Amino acid sequence: MAHQIEHTHLPIRGLNLHTAQVGQGELGTVVFLHGFPEIWYSWRHQMLAAASAGYRAIAPDCRGYVADVLAILHALTVPAAFVVGKDFGTIPAYHVAFRRPDRTRGVACLGIFFSPGPWSFDAMPEGYYILRWQGGGRLRPARRPASGAHHLRPLRQTSGEWAARTTPPSLPGSRMMPGAEQDLKTAFIPEGSHFVPEQVNELLLGFFKDHAVAANMYESMK
């Protein structure tokens, strides 16, 4: 079914940015932001599920900039969208909602709660993949840690964590978005990992459906 996904290059802030999309969007638009180091392909199963449910699914090969996400919405004439991020993609997802709540119908993120930063990788172990990408020379596989866990496995214990919210976060000093718990839904996937499991499809579609009234409000603004 991946052949249903269309590919195009959009002129986004001085770059022809590859963007994949599928679906007619009768119920609205969903923008998927991948983690690092990944591409749009990480979201293929979720894109097809969203399209089958009546949404327009968009997944760029993103650089991680909020301005890029907003430029994509503008280029595709999308007034507002659900934004879904995982891993590194959660950072622009949350900040799009914070900076432009008028363009955000809801936010769903996998693995990482909102954090205003600054981000530091000093506490990460030697050989962690982000640190290896920052270094020079050829990137080589890391040795397996003594615990026997694969080196690409997330450090956090809640690797299957999934969170969704419909209102943009404030910028608190806490990682748990205090004061927003009434708008936050959290689910745990026991077999979750750094990669997106197909089990999140039902969770995401349920989140979109539960907030269809808010989504339809944006459609009337077109």
C-alpha atoms as a PDB file:
ATOM      1  CA  MET A   1       0.000   0.000   0.000  1.00  0.00           C
ATOM      2  CA  ALA A   2       3.029   2.283   0.237  1.00  0.00           C
ATOM      3  CA  HIS A   3       2.619   3.052  -3.468  1.00  0.00           C
ATOM      4  CA  GLN A   4      -0.364   5.227  -2.508  1.00  0.00           C
ATOM      5  CA  ILE A   5       1.974   7.715  -0.856  1.00  0.00           C
ATOM      6  CA  GLU A   6       2.859  10.652  -3.099  1.00  0.00           C
ATOM      7  CA  HIS A   7       6.235  12.391  -3.005  1.00  0.00           C
ATOM      8  CA  THR A   8       7.053  15.976  -3.787  1.00  0.00           C
ATOM      9  CA  HIS A   9       9.695  18.604  -3.058  1.00  0.00           C
ATOM     10  CA  LEU A  10       8.495  21.858  -1.532  1.00  0.00           C
ATOM     11  CA  PRO A  11      10.493  25.109  -1.596  1.00  0.00           C
ATOM     12  CA  ILE A  12      10.863  25.574   2.156  1.00  0.00           C
ATOM     13  CA  ARG A  13      13.085  28.375   3.426  1.00  0.00           C
ATOM     14  CA  GLY A  14      15.785  28.032   0.796  1.00  0.00           C
ATOM     15  CA  LEU A  15      15.615  24.249   0.517  1.00  0.00           C
ATOM     16  CA  ASN A  16      13.647  21.876  -1.711  1.00  0.00           C
ATOM     17  CA  LEU A  17      12.324  19.746   1.132  1.00  0.00           C
ATOM     18  CA  HIS A  18      11.170  16.212   0.331  1.00  0.00           C
ATOM     19  CA  THR A  19       7.660  15.642   1.632  1.00  0.00           C
ATOM     20  CA  ALA A  20       5.486  12.527   1.520  1.00  0.00           C
ATOM     21  CA  GLN A  21       1.712  12.733   1.713  1.00  0.00           C
ATOM     22  CA  VAL A  22      -1.373  10.590   1.290  1.00  0.00           C
ATOM     23  CA  GLY A  23      -5.120  10.960   1.810  1.00  0.00           C
ATOM     24  CA  GLN A  24      -7.863  13.392   0.833  1.00  0.00           C
ATOM     25  CA  GLY A  25      -8.232  15.073   4.213  1.00  0.00           C
ATOM     26  CA  GLU A  26     -11.998  15.066   4.646  1.00  0.00           C
ATOM     27  CA  LEU A  27     -11.474  15.087   8.407  1.00  0.00           C
ATOM     28  CA  GLY A  28      -8.404  17.294   8.470  1.00  0.00           C
ATOM     29  CA  THR A  29      -4.623  17.097   8.203  1.00  0.00           C
ATOM     30  CA  VAL A  30      -1.978  15.354  10.280  1.00  0.00           C
ATOM     31  CA  VAL A  31       1.725  16.287  10.109  1.00  0.00           C
ATOM     32  CA  PHE A  32       4.160  13.565  11.216  1.00  0.00           C
ATOM     33  CA  LEU A  33       7.641  14.599  12.408  1.00  0.00           C
ATOM     34  CA  HIS A  34      10.236  11.821  12.578  1.00  0.00           C
ATOM     35  CA  GLY A  35      13.083  11.284  15.037  1.00  0.00           C
ATOM     36  CA  PHE A  36      16.852  11.329  14.555  1.00  0.00           C
ATOM     37  CA  PRO A  37      18.457  10.040  12.422  1.00  0.00           C
ATOM     38  CA  GLU A  38      15.403   9.058  10.394  1.00  0.00           C
ATOM     39  CA  ILE A  39      13.279  10.115   7.419  1.00  0.00           C
ATOM     40  CA  TRP A  40       9.555  10.221   6.608  1.00  0.00           C
ATOM     41  CA  TYR A  41       9.539   6.430   6.096  1.00  0.00           C
ATOM     42  CA  SER A  42       9.320   5.886   9.856  1.00  0.00           C
ATOM     43  CA  TRP A  43       5.676   6.997   9.684  1.00  0.00           C
ATOM     44  CA  ARG A  44       4.488   4.993   6.658  1.00  0.00           C
ATOM     45  CA  HIS A  45       2.127   2.740   8.647  1.00  0.00           C
ATOM     46  CA  GLN A  46       0.619   5.643  10.571  1.00  0.00           C
ATOM     47  CA  MET A  47       0.246   7.705   7.387  1.00  0.00           C
ATOM     48  CA  LEU A  48      -1.735   4.996   5.625  1.00  0.00           C
ATOM     49  CA  ALA A  49      -3.905   4.413   8.689  1.00  0.00           C
ATOM     50  CA  ALA A  50      -4.670   8.123   8.978  1.00  0.00           C
ATOM     51  CA  ALA A  51      -5.446   8.394   5.258  1.00  0.00           C
ATOM     52  CA  SER A  52      -7.798   5.401   5.413  1.00  0.00           C
ATOM     53  CA  ALA A  53      -9.619   7.066   8.303  1.00  0.00           C
ATOM     54  CA  GLY A  54     -10.225  10.248   6.293  1.00  0.00           C
ATOM     55  CA  TYR A  55      -7.210  12.422   7.077  1.00  0.00           C
ATOM     56  CA  ARG A  56      -4.503  13.935   4.923  1.00  0.00           C
ATOM     57  CA  ALA A  57      -1.188  12.616   6.223  1.00  0.00           C
ATOM     58  CA  ILE A  58       1.984  14.639   5.625  1.00  0.00           C
ATOM     59  CA  ALA A  59       5.489  13.522   6.598  1.00  0.00           C
ATOM     60  CA  PRO A  60       8.496  15.645   5.614  1.00  0.00           C
ATOM     61  CA  ASP A  61      12.156  14.753   5.802  1.00  0.00           C
ATOM     62  CA  CYS A  62      12.383  17.382   8.489  1.00  0.00           C
ATOM     63  CA  ARG A  63      15.376  19.313   9.784  1.00  0.00           C
ATOM     64  CA  GLY A  64      13.790  19.908  13.180  1.00  0.00           C
ATOM     65  CA  TYR A  65      12.882  23.578  12.777  1.00  0.00           C
ATOM     66  CA  VAL A  66       9.513  24.980  13.826  1.00  0.00           C
ATOM     67  CA  ALA A  67       9.638  27.461  10.945  1.00  0.00           C
ATOM     68  CA  ASP A  68       9.917  24.566   8.483  1.00  0.00           C
ATOM     69  CA  VAL A  69       6.726  22.963   9.810  1.00  0.00           C
ATOM     70  CA  LEU A  70       4.809  26.222   9.559  1.00  0.00           C
ATOM     71  CA  ALA A  71       6.176  26.815   6.052  1.00  0.00           C
ATOM     72  CA  ILE A  72       4.973  23.361   4.993  1.00  0.00           C
ATOM     73  CA  LEU A  73       1.465  24.161   6.234  1.00  0.00           C
ATOM     74  CA  HIS A  74       1.566  27.424   4.313  1.00  0.00           C
ATOM     75  CA  ALA A  75       2.885  25.806   1.118  1.00  0.00           C
ATOM     76  CA  LEU A  76       0.149  23.164   1.181  1.00  0.00           C
ATOM     77  CA  THR A  77      -2.571  25.659   2.170  1.00  0.00           C
ATOM     78  CA  VAL A  78      -3.344  23.916   5.444  1.00  0.00           C
ATOM     79  CA  PRO A  79      -4.851  26.333   8.011  1.00  0.00           C
ATOM     80  CA  ALA A  80      -4.227  24.034  10.989  1.00  0.00           C
ATOM     81  CA  ALA A  81      -3.239  20.435  11.623  1.00  0.00           C
ATOM     82  CA  PHE A  82      -2.717  17.750  14.201  1.00  0.00           C
ATOM     83  CA  VAL A  83       1.026  17.456  14.813  1.00  0.00           C
ATOM     84  CA  VAL A  84       2.552  14.080  15.705  1.00  0.00           C
ATOM     85  CA  GLY A  85       6.201  13.740  16.720  1.00  0.00           C
ATOM     86  CA  LYS A  86       8.514  11.068  18.040  1.00  0.00           C
ATOM     87  CA  ASP A  87      11.959  11.239  19.601  1.00  0.00           C
ATOM     88  CA  PHE A  88      13.692  14.370  18.275  1.00  0.00           C
ATOM     89  CA  GLY A  89      10.541  15.238  16.323  1.00  0.00           C
ATOM     90  CA  THR A  90       8.692  15.958  19.571  1.00  0.00           C
ATOM     91  CA  ILE A  91      10.698  19.150  20.037  1.00  0.00           C
ATOM     92  CA  PRO A  92       9.348  21.017  16.977  1.00  0.00           C
ATOM     93  CA  ALA A  93       5.930  19.394  17.512  1.00  0.00           C
ATOM     94  CA  TYR A  94       5.497  20.900  20.963  1.00  0.00           C
ATOM     95  CA  HIS A  95       6.992  24.242  19.990  1.00  0.00           C
ATOM     96  CA  VAL A  96       4.742  24.593  16.942  1.00  0.00           C
ATOM     97  CA  ALA A  97       1.811  24.294  19.351  1.00  0.00           C
ATOM     98  CA  PHE A  98       3.335  26.807  21.745  1.00  0.00           C
ATOM     99  CA  ARG A  99       4.223  29.412  19.131  1.00  0.00           C
ATOM    100  CA  ARG A 100       1.227  29.006  16.825  1.00  0.00           C
ATOM    101  CA  PRO A 101      -1.761  27.551  18.685  1.00  0.00           C
ATOM    102  CA  ASP A 102      -3.966  28.874  15.889  1.00  0.00           C
ATOM    103  CA  ARG A 103      -2.288  26.417  13.488  1.00  0.00           C
ATOM    104  CA  THR A 104      -2.418  23.447  15.878  1.00  0.00           C
ATOM    105  CA  ARG A 105      -5.445  21.201  16.412  1.00  0.00           C
ATOM    106  CA  GLY A 106      -3.706  18.856  18.778  1.00  0.00           C
ATOM    107  CA  VAL A 107      -0.314  17.359  19.595  1.00  0.00           C
ATOM    108  CA  ALA A 108       0.590  13.682  19.990  1.00  0.00           C
ATOM    109  CA  CYS A 109       4.122  12.651  20.872  1.00  0.00           C
ATOM    110  CA  LEU A 110       5.913   9.341  21.364  1.00  0.00           C
ATOM    111  CA  GLY A 111       8.596   8.796  23.950  1.00  0.00           C
ATOM    112  CA  ILE A 112       9.391  12.323  25.144  1.00  0.00           C
ATOM    113  CA  PHE A 113       7.357  14.703  27.274  1.00  0.00           C
ATOM    114  CA  PHE A 114       7.565  18.432  26.717  1.00  0.00           C
ATOM    115  CA  SER A 115      10.761  20.077  27.983  1.00  0.00           C
ATOM    116  CA  PRO A 116      11.646  23.746  27.442  1.00  0.00           C
ATOM    117  CA  GLY A 117      15.365  22.944  27.406  1.00  0.00           C
ATOM    118  CA  PRO A 118      18.183  23.665  27.173  1.00  0.00           C
ATOM    119  CA  TRP A 119      19.064  20.173  26.015  1.00  0.00           C
ATOM    120  CA  SER A 120      22.280  18.540  27.212  1.00  0.00           C
ATOM    121  CA  PHE A 121      23.779  15.204  26.191  1.00  0.00           C
ATOM    122  CA  ASP A 122      26.561  15.280  28.789  1.00  0.00           C
ATOM    123  CA  ALA A 123      24.965  12.537  30.900  1.00  0.00           C
ATOM    124  CA  MET A 124      24.665  10.085  28.011  1.00  0.00           C
ATOM    125  CA  PRO A 125      27.023   7.089  27.950  1.00  0.00           C
ATOM    126  CA  GLU A 126      29.968   6.790  25.617  1.00  0.00           C
ATOM    127  CA  GLY A 127      28.889   5.441  22.247  1.00  0.00           C
ATOM    128  CA  TYR A 128      25.317   6.768  22.412  1.00  0.00           C
ATOM    129  CA  TYR A 129      24.175   7.291  18.832  1.00  0.00           C
ATOM    130  CA  ILE A 130      23.602  11.044  19.092  1.00  0.00           C
ATOM    131  CA  LEU A 131      27.124  11.565  20.435  1.00  0.00           C
ATOM    132  CA  ARG A 132      28.604   9.438  17.661  1.00  0.00           C
ATOM    133  CA  TRP A 133      26.844  11.537  15.035  1.00  0.00           C
ATOM    134  CA  GLN A 134      28.356  14.696  16.535  1.00  0.00           C
ATOM    135  CA  GLY A 135      31.899  13.367  16.222  1.00  0.00           C
ATOM    136  CA  GLY A 136      34.058  13.502  13.130  1.00  0.00           C
ATOM    137  CA  GLY A 137      35.176  10.666  10.892  1.00  0.00           C
ATOM    138  CA  ARG A 138      33.345   7.531   9.876  1.00  0.00           C
ATOM    139  CA  LEU A 139      30.327   6.424  11.898  1.00  0.00           C
ATOM    140  CA  ARG A 140      30.860   2.855  13.110  1.00  0.00           C
ATOM    141  CA  PRO A 141      28.646   0.465  15.097  1.00  0.00           C
ATOM    142  CA  ALA A 142      28.971   0.806  18.845  1.00  0.00           C
ATOM    143  CA  ARG A 143      29.959  -2.132  20.992  1.00  0.00           C
ATOM    144  CA  ARG A 144      27.143  -3.807  22.888  1.00  0.00           C
ATOM    145  CA  PRO A 145      26.895  -2.477  26.475  1.00  0.00           C
ATOM    146  CA  ALA A 146      27.658  -4.789  29.367  1.00  0.00           C
ATOM    147  CA  SER A 147      23.955  -5.037  30.202  1.00  0.00           C
ATOM    148  CA  GLY A 148      23.347  -6.745  26.858  1.00  0.00           C
ATOM    149  CA  ALA A 149      20.881  -4.090  25.663  1.00  0.00           C
ATOM    150  CA  HIS A 150      21.146  -2.954  22.062  1.00  0.00           C
ATOM    151  CA  HIS A 151      22.955   0.368  21.745  1.00  0.00           C
ATOM    152  CA  LEU A 152      20.060   1.987  19.864  1.00  0.00           C
ATOM    153  CA  ARG A 153      17.567   1.226  22.613  1.00  0.00           C
ATOM    154  CA  PRO A 154      16.380   4.385  24.412  1.00  0.00           C
ATOM    155  CA  LEU A 155      17.853   5.149  27.807  1.00  0.00           C
ATOM    156  CA  ARG A 156      14.494   6.049  29.315  1.00  0.00           C
ATOM    157  CA  GLN A 157      12.491   3.234  30.872  1.00  0.00           C
ATOM    158  CA  THR A 158       9.208   4.466  29.399  1.00  0.00           C
ATOM    159  CA  SER A 159      10.271   3.705  25.841  1.00  0.00           C
ATOM    160  CA  GLY A 160       6.703   2.846  24.897  1.00  0.00           C
ATOM    161  CA  GLU A 161       5.309   6.087  26.233  1.00  0.00           C
ATOM    162  CA  TRP A 162       2.750   7.932  24.151  1.00  0.00           C
ATOM    163  CA  ALA A 163       1.207  11.242  25.023  1.00  0.00           C
ATOM    164  CA  ALA A 164      -1.338  13.463  23.356  1.00  0.00           C
ATOM    165  CA  ARG A 165      -2.835  16.840  24.131  1.00  0.00           C
ATOM    166  CA  THR A 166      -5.216  19.256  22.439  1.00  0.00           C
ATOM    167  CA  THR A 167      -4.014  22.553  23.887  1.00  0.00           C
ATOM    168  CA  PRO A 168      -0.540  24.017  23.357  1.00  0.00           C
ATOM    169  CA  PRO A 169       1.870  23.691  26.300  1.00  0.00           C
ATOM    170  CA  SER A 170       3.136  26.650  28.268  1.00  0.00           C
ATOM    171  CA  LEU A 171       6.843  26.963  28.941  1.00  0.00           C
ATOM    172  CA  PRO A 172       7.173  25.685  32.513  1.00  0.00           C
ATOM    173  CA  GLY A 173      10.410  24.748  34.190  1.00  0.00           C
ATOM    174  CA  SER A 174       9.156  21.196  34.597  1.00  0.00           C
ATOM    175  CA  ARG A 175       9.201  18.327  32.113  1.00  0.00           C
ATOM    176  CA  MET A 176       5.650  17.274  33.008  1.00  0.00           C
ATOM    177  CA  MET A 177       3.689  20.312  31.811  1.00  0.00           C
ATOM    178  CA  PRO A 178       2.145  21.205  35.225  1.00  0.00           C
ATOM    179  CA  GLY A 179      -1.356  22.599  35.036  1.00  0.00           C
ATOM    180  CA  ALA A 180      -2.114  20.807  31.764  1.00  0.00           C
ATOM    181  CA  GLU A 181      -2.822  17.339  33.155  1.00  0.00           C
ATOM    182  CA  GLN A 182      -6.521  17.674  32.402  1.00  0.00           C
ATOM    183  CA  ASP A 183      -5.704  17.884  28.685  1.00  0.00           C
ATOM    184  CA  LEU A 184      -3.088  15.143  28.678  1.00  0.00           C
ATOM    185  CA  LYS A 185      -3.608  11.503  27.830  1.00  0.00           C
ATOM    186  CA  THR A 186      -0.776   9.048  28.367  1.00  0.00           C
ATOM    187  CA  ALA A 187      -0.572   5.421  27.235  1.00  0.00           C
ATOM    188  CA  PHE A 188       2.172   2.818  27.537  1.00  0.00           C
ATOM    189  CA  ILE A 189       3.061   0.230  24.922  1.00  0.00           C
ATOM    190  CA  PRO A 190       4.954  -2.642  26.605  1.00  0.00           C
ATOM    191  CA  GLU A 191       6.856  -3.580  23.457  1.00  0.00           C
ATOM    192  CA  GLY A 192       7.605  -0.005  22.455  1.00  0.00           C
ATOM    193  CA  SER A 193      11.122   0.925  21.384  1.00  0.00           C
ATOM    194  CA  HIS A 194      13.006   3.643  19.533  1.00  0.00           C
ATOM    195  CA  PHE A 195      11.058   2.689  16.406  1.00  0.00           C
ATOM    196  CA  VAL A 196       7.348   3.379  15.884  1.00  0.00           C
ATOM    197  CA  PRO A 197       5.201   0.276  16.522  1.00  0.00           C
ATOM    198  CA  GLU A 198       2.008  -0.191  14.558  1.00  0.00           C
ATOM    199  CA  GLN A 199       0.044  -0.349  17.826  1.00  0.00           C
ATOM    200  CA  VAL A 200       0.037   3.434  17.997  1.00  0.00           C
ATOM    201  CA  ASN A 201      -2.356   3.642  15.034  1.00  0.00           C
ATOM    202  CA  GLU A 202      -5.415   2.943  17.187  1.00  0.00           C
ATOM    203  CA  LEU A 203      -4.274   5.435  19.820  1.00  0.00           C
ATOM    204  CA  LEU A 204      -3.656   8.190  17.304  1.00  0.00           C
ATOM    205  CA  LEU A 205      -6.905   7.687  15.417  1.00  0.00           C
ATOM    206  CA  GLY A 206      -8.808   7.628  18.690  1.00  0.00           C
ATOM    207  CA  PHE A 207      -7.190  10.912  19.688  1.00  0.00           C
ATOM    208  CA  PHE A 208      -8.091  12.561  16.384  1.00  0.00           C
ATOM    209  CA  LYS A 209     -11.670  11.289  16.591  1.00  0.00           C
ATOM    210  CA  ASP A 210     -12.123  12.434  20.195  1.00  0.00           C
ATOM    211  CA  HIS A 211     -11.242  15.979  19.153  1.00  0.00           C
ATOM    212  CA  ALA A 212     -13.148  16.135  15.888  1.00  0.00           C
ATOM    213  CA  VAL A 213     -15.243  19.074  17.110  1.00  0.00           C
ATOM    214  CA  ALA A 214     -12.153  21.224  17.572  1.00  0.00           C
ATOM    215  CA  ALA A 215     -10.816  20.076  14.214  1.00  0.00           C
ATOM    216  CA  ASN A 216     -14.039  20.956  12.407  1.00  0.00           C
ATOM    217  CA  MET A 217     -13.884  24.426  13.914  1.00  0.00           C
ATOM    218  CA  TYR A 218     -10.673  25.044  11.982  1.00  0.00           C
ATOM    219  CA  GLU A 219     -12.228  23.739   8.762  1.00  0.00           C
ATOM    220  CA  SER A 220     -14.855  26.471   8.998  1.00  0.00           C
ATOM    221  CA  MET A 221     -12.069  29.057   9.068  1.00  0.00           C
ATOM    222  CA  LYS A 222     -10.854  28.201   5.554  1.00  0.00           C
END
